[in-house]
Structure formats: C-alpha cells, structure tokens
Amino acid sequence: MRLRMLLDLKAPLPPILGVFFAASACVGVPPKLEAPSQVTTSTLTRYNNHPCTPTVASVIDAYDVPPGTLRDLSYTQRQSGQGNLVGYTAWMHLTDQPGSLVVDVDRSCQFDQAYTRGGASLPGVYRSLL
C-alpha cells in the first residue's frame, strides 16, 4: 500500500514486483572505501599478490573483517560471453566459520560488490543463498 502511494500508482502491484523490492531492501549500501591498513594489506599480499589485492584489503577494512580471520585468498577471472575480461572475483575462506567471503572487482580493480557464500555470515555483508 505505502509503496503504491510513494510511486503514485493507481493499480495494484504485481506480486513479483513486491518480492523484488523486498529482496533489494536486504542488499546493503556498499561501504565507502579508504586506503587499507598495513596489517590487512600485508596479510592478503602474503596469500596472493594480485594487482587487485589493495582494493580487496580496503573492502575487508570497510566491512570491519579482522584480517586474522582470513585463511586464504584466491582470484578467478570473470569473462563476458565473448571471452573478454570483465573483472576478478576474490575468494576468501574464514577461520571461524564455513563458507567464503567473496569480493567482485572490475578489470581495473574497482570495487563492485561483496557477499558471503556457503554458510558464511558477516555483519553488513549480503549473504548469498547459493
């Protein structure tokens, strides 16, 4: 009801649209990234000295994830349907819980999104159902 009033709609919303709005409200606002701490940068660089590691370290700091809770760091490439590089996905396992913390960056290492998978849960980080 309130959504229809906000959008000035006369007809009822289709149920699927309500599900979309409800799901999108669960996705948090991306954090403001700042220069990463030396501790986070050195911890992640020990695991993987990838060109995007400083950005991933900034994301770790922005979400207040203690670097000591990260067990490893690996990267996969994300490619378009034509095989062009579109970005990288950083995968990190946590020492105190199952699953992974995942950070997506574009091909110039700019932050896209962060989420958890496989049962991992971190405050403020979207939890993927996959």
N, C-alpha and C. Protein backbone atom coordinates (compact mmCIF):
# COMPACT_ATOMS: atom_id res chain seq x y z
N MET A 1 0.82 -1.19 0.00
CA MET A 1 0.00 0.00 0.00
C MET A 1 0.87 1.25 0.00
N ARG A 2 1.82 1.34 0.95
CA ARG A 2 2.66 2.53 1.01
C ARG A 2 3.50 2.67 -0.24
N LEU A 3 3.99 1.55 -0.79
CA LEU A 3 4.80 1.59 -2.00
C LEU A 3 4.00 2.16 -3.16
N ARG A 4 2.73 1.74 -3.27
CA ARG A 4 1.89 2.28 -4.35
C ARG A 4 1.71 3.79 -4.18
N MET A 5 1.57 4.24 -2.93
CA MET A 5 1.41 5.67 -2.70
C MET A 5 2.69 6.42 -3.04
N LEU A 6 3.84 5.85 -2.65
CA LEU A 6 5.11 6.50 -2.94
C LEU A 6 5.36 6.62 -4.44
N LEU A 7 4.97 5.59 -5.16
CA LEU A 7 5.17 5.59 -6.61
C LEU A 7 3.99 6.19 -7.35
N ASP A 8 2.95 6.63 -6.62
CA ASP A 8 1.75 7.23 -7.19
C ASP A 8 1.11 6.29 -8.20
N LEU A 9 0.95 5.02 -7.78
CA LEU A 9 0.34 4.02 -8.64
C LEU A 9 -1.13 3.85 -8.28
N LYS A 10 -1.97 3.71 -9.28
CA LYS A 10 -3.40 3.50 -9.06
C LYS A 10 -3.74 2.01 -9.02
N ALA A 11 -3.05 1.23 -9.85
CA ALA A 11 -3.32 -0.21 -9.92
C ALA A 11 -2.47 -0.95 -8.90
N PRO A 12 -2.92 -2.13 -8.46
CA PRO A 12 -2.11 -2.90 -7.51
C PRO A 12 -0.81 -3.38 -8.17
N LEU A 13 0.20 -3.54 -7.34
CA LEU A 13 1.48 -4.03 -7.82
C LEU A 13 1.40 -5.53 -8.06
N PRO A 14 2.05 -6.01 -9.12
CA PRO A 14 2.13 -7.46 -9.30
C PRO A 14 2.93 -8.06 -8.14
N PRO A 15 2.57 -9.25 -7.66
CA PRO A 15 3.27 -9.84 -6.51
C PRO A 15 4.77 -9.97 -6.71
N ILE A 16 5.21 -10.28 -7.92
CA ILE A 16 6.64 -10.47 -8.15
C ILE A 16 7.40 -9.16 -7.94
N LEU A 17 6.77 -8.03 -8.23
CA LEU A 17 7.42 -6.75 -8.02
C LEU A 17 7.62 -6.48 -6.53
N GLY A 18 6.66 -6.89 -5.73
CA GLY A 18 6.80 -6.75 -4.28
C GLY A 18 7.95 -7.58 -3.75
N VAL A 19 8.12 -8.78 -4.30
CA VAL A 19 9.24 -9.64 -3.90
C VAL A 19 10.56 -8.98 -4.28
N PHE A 20 10.61 -8.39 -5.48
CA PHE A 20 11.83 -7.71 -5.92
C PHE A 20 12.19 -6.57 -4.97
N PHE A 21 11.22 -5.72 -4.62
CA PHE A 21 11.50 -4.61 -3.72
C PHE A 21 11.93 -5.09 -2.35
N ALA A 22 11.29 -6.15 -1.86
CA ALA A 22 11.66 -6.68 -0.55
C ALA A 22 13.08 -7.24 -0.57
N ALA A 23 13.42 -7.96 -1.63
CA ALA A 23 14.77 -8.53 -1.73
C ALA A 23 15.82 -7.46 -1.89
N SER A 24 15.53 -6.42 -2.67
CA SER A 24 16.52 -5.37 -2.88
C SER A 24 16.74 -4.55 -1.62
N ALA A 25 15.76 -4.51 -0.75
CA ALA A 25 15.92 -3.77 0.51
C ALA A 25 16.91 -4.47 1.43
N CYS A 26 17.13 -5.78 1.23
CA CYS A 26 18.06 -6.53 2.06
C CYS A 26 19.51 -6.30 1.66
N VAL A 27 19.73 -5.81 0.45
CA VAL A 27 21.09 -5.59 -0.03
C VAL A 27 21.58 -4.27 0.55
N GLY A 28 22.69 -4.32 1.26
CA GLY A 28 23.19 -3.13 1.91
C GLY A 28 23.84 -2.16 0.95
N VAL A 29 24.03 -0.96 1.44
CA VAL A 29 24.73 0.06 0.67
C VAL A 29 26.22 -0.26 0.72
N PRO A 30 26.89 -0.23 -0.43
CA PRO A 30 28.33 -0.52 -0.41
C PRO A 30 29.07 0.46 0.51
N PRO A 31 30.08 -0.03 1.21
CA PRO A 31 30.81 0.85 2.12
C PRO A 31 31.68 1.83 1.36
N LYS A 32 32.01 2.91 2.04
CA LYS A 32 32.96 3.88 1.49
C LYS A 32 34.36 3.30 1.71
N LEU A 33 35.08 3.15 0.61
CA LEU A 33 36.42 2.56 0.72
C LEU A 33 37.46 3.63 0.98
N GLU A 34 38.37 3.30 1.84
CA GLU A 34 39.50 4.16 2.14
C GLU A 34 40.77 3.35 1.96
N ALA A 35 41.89 4.00 2.12
CA ALA A 35 43.17 3.27 2.00
C ALA A 35 43.19 2.13 3.01
N PRO A 36 43.63 0.95 2.59
CA PRO A 36 43.63 -0.19 3.51
C PRO A 36 44.72 -0.06 4.57
N SER A 37 44.49 -0.73 5.68
CA SER A 37 45.52 -0.75 6.72
C SER A 37 46.70 -1.59 6.27
N GLN A 38 47.84 -1.30 6.84
CA GLN A 38 49.05 -2.05 6.50
C GLN A 38 48.92 -3.51 6.90
N VAL A 39 48.26 -3.77 8.03
CA VAL A 39 48.10 -5.15 8.51
C VAL A 39 47.24 -5.95 7.52
N THR A 40 46.14 -5.37 7.08
CA THR A 40 45.27 -6.08 6.14
C THR A 40 45.98 -6.30 4.82
N THR A 41 46.63 -5.26 4.32
CA THR A 41 47.33 -5.37 3.04
C THR A 41 48.42 -6.44 3.10
N SER A 42 49.22 -6.43 4.15
CA SER A 42 50.31 -7.41 4.23
C SER A 42 49.78 -8.83 4.41
N THR A 43 48.69 -8.98 5.17
CA THR A 43 48.10 -10.31 5.34
C THR A 43 47.61 -10.86 4.01
N LEU A 44 46.86 -10.05 3.27
CA LEU A 44 46.32 -10.52 1.99
C LEU A 44 47.41 -10.71 0.95
N THR A 45 48.41 -9.84 0.94
CA THR A 45 49.51 -9.96 -0.02
C THR A 45 50.30 -11.24 0.21
N ARG A 46 50.42 -11.66 1.48
CA ARG A 46 51.08 -12.94 1.78
C ARG A 46 50.33 -14.10 1.14
N TYR A 47 49.01 -13.99 1.09
CA TYR A 47 48.20 -15.06 0.49
C TYR A 47 48.20 -15.00 -1.03
N ASN A 48 48.15 -13.77 -1.58
CA ASN A 48 48.07 -13.62 -3.04
C ASN A 48 48.43 -12.19 -3.41
N ASN A 49 49.52 -12.02 -4.12
CA ASN A 49 50.00 -10.68 -4.51
C ASN A 49 49.42 -10.28 -5.87
N HIS A 50 48.11 -10.27 -5.96
CA HIS A 50 47.39 -9.90 -7.17
C HIS A 50 47.29 -8.38 -7.26
N PRO A 51 47.23 -7.80 -8.47
CA PRO A 51 47.10 -6.34 -8.58
C PRO A 51 45.87 -5.75 -7.88
N CYS A 52 44.81 -6.56 -7.69
CA CYS A 52 43.59 -6.06 -7.04
C CYS A 52 43.59 -6.25 -5.53
N THR A 53 44.64 -6.83 -4.97
CA THR A 53 44.67 -7.08 -3.54
C THR A 53 44.52 -5.81 -2.70
N PRO A 54 45.11 -4.66 -3.06
CA PRO A 54 44.87 -3.46 -2.25
C PRO A 54 43.38 -3.06 -2.19
N THR A 55 42.65 -3.22 -3.28
CA THR A 55 41.21 -2.90 -3.26
C THR A 55 40.48 -3.88 -2.36
N VAL A 56 40.79 -5.16 -2.48
CA VAL A 56 40.16 -6.17 -1.63
C VAL A 56 40.48 -5.88 -0.16
N ALA A 57 41.70 -5.48 0.14
CA ALA A 57 42.07 -5.12 1.51
C ALA A 57 41.23 -3.93 2.00
N SER A 58 40.97 -2.96 1.14
CA SER A 58 40.12 -1.82 1.52
C SER A 58 38.71 -2.28 1.85
N VAL A 59 38.21 -3.24 1.08
CA VAL A 59 36.86 -3.78 1.33
C VAL A 59 36.83 -4.50 2.67
N ILE A 60 37.86 -5.31 2.93
CA ILE A 60 37.95 -6.04 4.21
C ILE A 60 37.92 -5.05 5.37
N ASP A 61 38.68 -3.98 5.27
CA ASP A 61 38.70 -2.96 6.33
C ASP A 61 37.35 -2.24 6.44
N ALA A 62 36.73 -1.92 5.31
CA ALA A 62 35.45 -1.19 5.33
C ALA A 62 34.36 -2.01 6.00
N TYR A 63 34.40 -3.32 5.85
CA TYR A 63 33.41 -4.20 6.50
C TYR A 63 33.86 -4.66 7.88
N ASP A 64 34.97 -4.13 8.37
CA ASP A 64 35.48 -4.46 9.71
C ASP A 64 35.74 -5.95 9.91
N VAL A 65 36.26 -6.60 8.88
CA VAL A 65 36.62 -8.01 8.98
C VAL A 65 38.07 -8.06 9.47
N PRO A 66 38.32 -8.63 10.65
CA PRO A 66 39.70 -8.72 11.12
C PRO A 66 40.54 -9.58 10.17
N PRO A 67 41.68 -9.08 9.71
CA PRO A 67 42.48 -9.86 8.76
C PRO A 67 42.92 -11.21 9.31
N GLY A 68 43.00 -11.34 10.62
CA GLY A 68 43.38 -12.62 11.23
C GLY A 68 42.32 -13.70 11.07
N THR A 69 41.10 -13.32 10.67
CA THR A 69 40.05 -14.32 10.47
C THR A 69 40.03 -14.84 9.04
N LEU A 70 40.94 -14.35 8.20
CA LEU A 70 41.02 -14.81 6.80
C LEU A 70 42.07 -15.90 6.69
N ARG A 71 41.68 -17.00 6.07
CA ARG A 71 42.57 -18.16 5.99
C ARG A 71 43.35 -18.21 4.68
N ASP A 72 42.77 -17.64 3.60
CA ASP A 72 43.42 -17.68 2.30
C ASP A 72 42.77 -16.66 1.37
N LEU A 73 43.34 -16.52 0.19
CA LEU A 73 42.82 -15.59 -0.82
C LEU A 73 43.20 -16.13 -2.19
N SER A 74 42.19 -16.30 -3.03
CA SER A 74 42.44 -16.70 -4.42
C SER A 74 41.55 -15.86 -5.33
N TYR A 75 41.94 -15.76 -6.57
CA TYR A 75 41.19 -14.96 -7.55
C TYR A 75 40.76 -15.83 -8.73
N THR A 76 39.59 -15.53 -9.24
CA THR A 76 39.14 -16.10 -10.51
C THR A 76 38.81 -14.93 -11.44
N GLN A 77 38.91 -15.18 -12.72
CA GLN A 77 38.57 -14.15 -13.70
C GLN A 77 37.09 -14.25 -14.05
N ARG A 78 36.45 -13.10 -14.25
CA ARG A 78 35.08 -13.06 -14.77
C ARG A 78 35.17 -12.59 -16.21
N GLN A 79 34.55 -13.35 -17.10
CA GLN A 79 34.62 -13.02 -18.53
C GLN A 79 33.23 -12.83 -19.11
N SER A 80 33.17 -12.01 -20.15
CA SER A 80 31.91 -11.80 -20.87
C SER A 80 31.62 -13.04 -21.72
N GLY A 81 30.46 -13.07 -22.32
CA GLY A 81 30.11 -14.17 -23.21
C GLY A 81 31.04 -14.29 -24.40
N GLN A 82 31.71 -13.20 -24.76
CA GLN A 82 32.66 -13.22 -25.87
C GLN A 82 34.08 -13.54 -25.41
N GLY A 83 34.25 -13.81 -24.12
CA GLY A 83 35.56 -14.18 -23.60
C GLY A 83 36.43 -13.00 -23.17
N ASN A 84 35.88 -11.80 -23.15
CA ASN A 84 36.64 -10.63 -22.71
C ASN A 84 36.65 -10.55 -21.19
N LEU A 85 37.78 -10.15 -20.63
CA LEU A 85 37.90 -9.98 -19.19
C LEU A 85 37.01 -8.83 -18.74
N VAL A 86 36.12 -9.09 -17.77
CA VAL A 86 35.29 -8.01 -17.22
C VAL A 86 35.65 -7.72 -15.77
N GLY A 87 36.36 -8.64 -15.12
CA GLY A 87 36.75 -8.39 -13.75
C GLY A 87 37.29 -9.63 -13.07
N TYR A 88 37.45 -9.50 -11.76
CA TYR A 88 38.00 -10.58 -10.95
C TYR A 88 37.11 -10.82 -9.74
N THR A 89 37.12 -12.04 -9.27
CA THR A 89 36.42 -12.39 -8.04
C THR A 89 37.46 -12.90 -7.05
N ALA A 90 37.50 -12.25 -5.89
CA ALA A 90 38.41 -12.66 -4.81
C ALA A 90 37.62 -13.56 -3.85
N TRP A 91 38.16 -14.74 -3.59
CA TRP A 91 37.54 -15.72 -2.70
C TRP A 91 38.39 -15.86 -1.45
N MET A 92 37.79 -15.71 -0.29
CA MET A 92 38.49 -15.86 0.97
C MET A 92 37.73 -16.79 1.89
N HIS A 93 38.41 -17.77 2.45
CA HIS A 93 37.81 -18.63 3.47
C HIS A 93 38.09 -18.01 4.83
N LEU A 94 37.16 -18.18 5.73
CA LEU A 94 37.27 -17.62 7.07
C LEU A 94 37.71 -18.70 8.06
N THR A 95 38.48 -18.31 9.06
CA THR A 95 39.00 -19.29 10.02
C THR A 95 37.94 -19.74 11.01
N ASP A 96 36.93 -18.92 11.26
CA ASP A 96 35.99 -19.21 12.34
C ASP A 96 34.60 -19.66 11.87
N GLN A 97 34.42 -19.89 10.57
CA GLN A 97 33.11 -20.33 10.08
C GLN A 97 33.26 -20.93 8.69
N PRO A 98 32.25 -21.70 8.27
CA PRO A 98 32.31 -22.30 6.94
C PRO A 98 32.04 -21.25 5.87
N GLY A 99 32.25 -21.63 4.64
CA GLY A 99 31.90 -20.75 3.53
C GLY A 99 32.99 -19.77 3.17
N SER A 100 32.59 -18.79 2.36
CA SER A 100 33.56 -17.84 1.81
C SER A 100 33.04 -16.42 1.87
N LEU A 101 33.99 -15.50 1.97
CA LEU A 101 33.73 -14.09 1.73
C LEU A 101 34.20 -13.84 0.31
N VAL A 102 33.34 -13.24 -0.51
CA VAL A 102 33.62 -13.03 -1.92
C VAL A 102 33.58 -11.54 -2.23
N VAL A 103 34.58 -11.06 -2.96
CA VAL A 103 34.63 -9.65 -3.37
C VAL A 103 34.81 -9.61 -4.88
N ASP A 104 33.89 -8.94 -5.57
CA ASP A 104 33.99 -8.75 -7.01
C ASP A 104 34.54 -7.37 -7.31
N VAL A 105 35.50 -7.31 -8.23
CA VAL A 105 36.05 -6.04 -8.70
C VAL A 105 36.03 -6.06 -10.23
N ASP A 106 36.04 -4.87 -10.82
CA ASP A 106 36.08 -4.83 -12.29
C ASP A 106 37.51 -5.03 -12.77
N ARG A 107 37.71 -4.98 -14.08
CA ARG A 107 39.05 -5.30 -14.61
C ARG A 107 40.10 -4.26 -14.24
N SER A 108 39.69 -3.07 -13.79
CA SER A 108 40.65 -2.09 -13.31
C SER A 108 40.72 -2.07 -11.78
N CYS A 109 40.19 -3.13 -11.17
CA CYS A 109 40.24 -3.35 -9.71
C CYS A 109 39.34 -2.42 -8.91
N GLN A 110 38.33 -1.84 -9.52
CA GLN A 110 37.36 -1.02 -8.79
C GLN A 110 36.33 -1.94 -8.16
N PHE A 111 35.96 -1.67 -6.93
CA PHE A 111 35.03 -2.50 -6.16
C PHE A 111 33.64 -2.53 -6.81
N ASP A 112 33.10 -3.76 -6.97
CA ASP A 112 31.73 -3.95 -7.46
C ASP A 112 30.79 -4.35 -6.33
N GLN A 113 31.09 -5.46 -5.66
CA GLN A 113 30.22 -5.95 -4.61
C GLN A 113 30.96 -6.95 -3.73
N ALA A 114 30.39 -7.16 -2.53
CA ALA A 114 30.90 -8.18 -1.62
C ALA A 114 29.71 -8.98 -1.10
N TYR A 115 29.94 -10.27 -0.89
CA TYR A 115 28.89 -11.13 -0.36
C TYR A 115 29.53 -12.37 0.24
N THR A 116 28.75 -13.11 1.00
CA THR A 116 29.23 -14.36 1.56
C THR A 116 28.49 -15.52 0.90
N ARG A 117 29.13 -16.68 0.91
CA ARG A 117 28.54 -17.90 0.34
C ARG A 117 28.86 -19.09 1.23
N GLY A 118 28.08 -20.14 1.04
CA GLY A 118 28.39 -21.41 1.68
C GLY A 118 28.23 -21.43 3.19
N GLY A 119 27.38 -20.58 3.73
CA GLY A 119 27.13 -20.58 5.16
C GLY A 119 27.86 -19.49 5.93
N ALA A 120 28.77 -18.76 5.29
CA ALA A 120 29.46 -17.67 5.98
C ALA A 120 28.48 -16.52 6.20
N SER A 121 28.68 -15.81 7.29
CA SER A 121 27.82 -14.67 7.61
C SER A 121 28.66 -13.60 8.31
N LEU A 122 28.62 -12.39 7.76
CA LEU A 122 29.35 -11.26 8.34
C LEU A 122 28.41 -10.07 8.42
N PRO A 123 28.45 -9.31 9.50
CA PRO A 123 27.57 -8.15 9.64
C PRO A 123 27.76 -7.16 8.50
N GLY A 124 26.64 -6.76 7.89
CA GLY A 124 26.68 -5.76 6.84
C GLY A 124 26.99 -6.29 5.45
N VAL A 125 27.34 -7.57 5.35
CA VAL A 125 27.69 -8.17 4.06
C VAL A 125 26.52 -9.03 3.60
N TYR A 126 26.10 -8.83 2.35
CA TYR A 126 25.00 -9.61 1.80
C TYR A 126 25.33 -11.09 1.84
N ARG A 127 24.36 -11.90 2.25
CA ARG A 127 24.55 -13.36 2.33
C ARG A 127 23.86 -14.01 1.15
N SER A 128 24.64 -14.54 0.24
CA SER A 128 24.09 -15.21 -0.94
C SER A 128 23.45 -16.54 -0.53
N LEU A 129 22.36 -16.86 -1.16
CA LEU A 129 21.68 -18.13 -0.88
C LEU A 129 22.29 -19.28 -1.67
N LEU A 130 23.23 -18.99 -2.54
CA LEU A 130 23.87 -20.04 -3.34
C LEU A 130 25.01 -20.68 -2.60
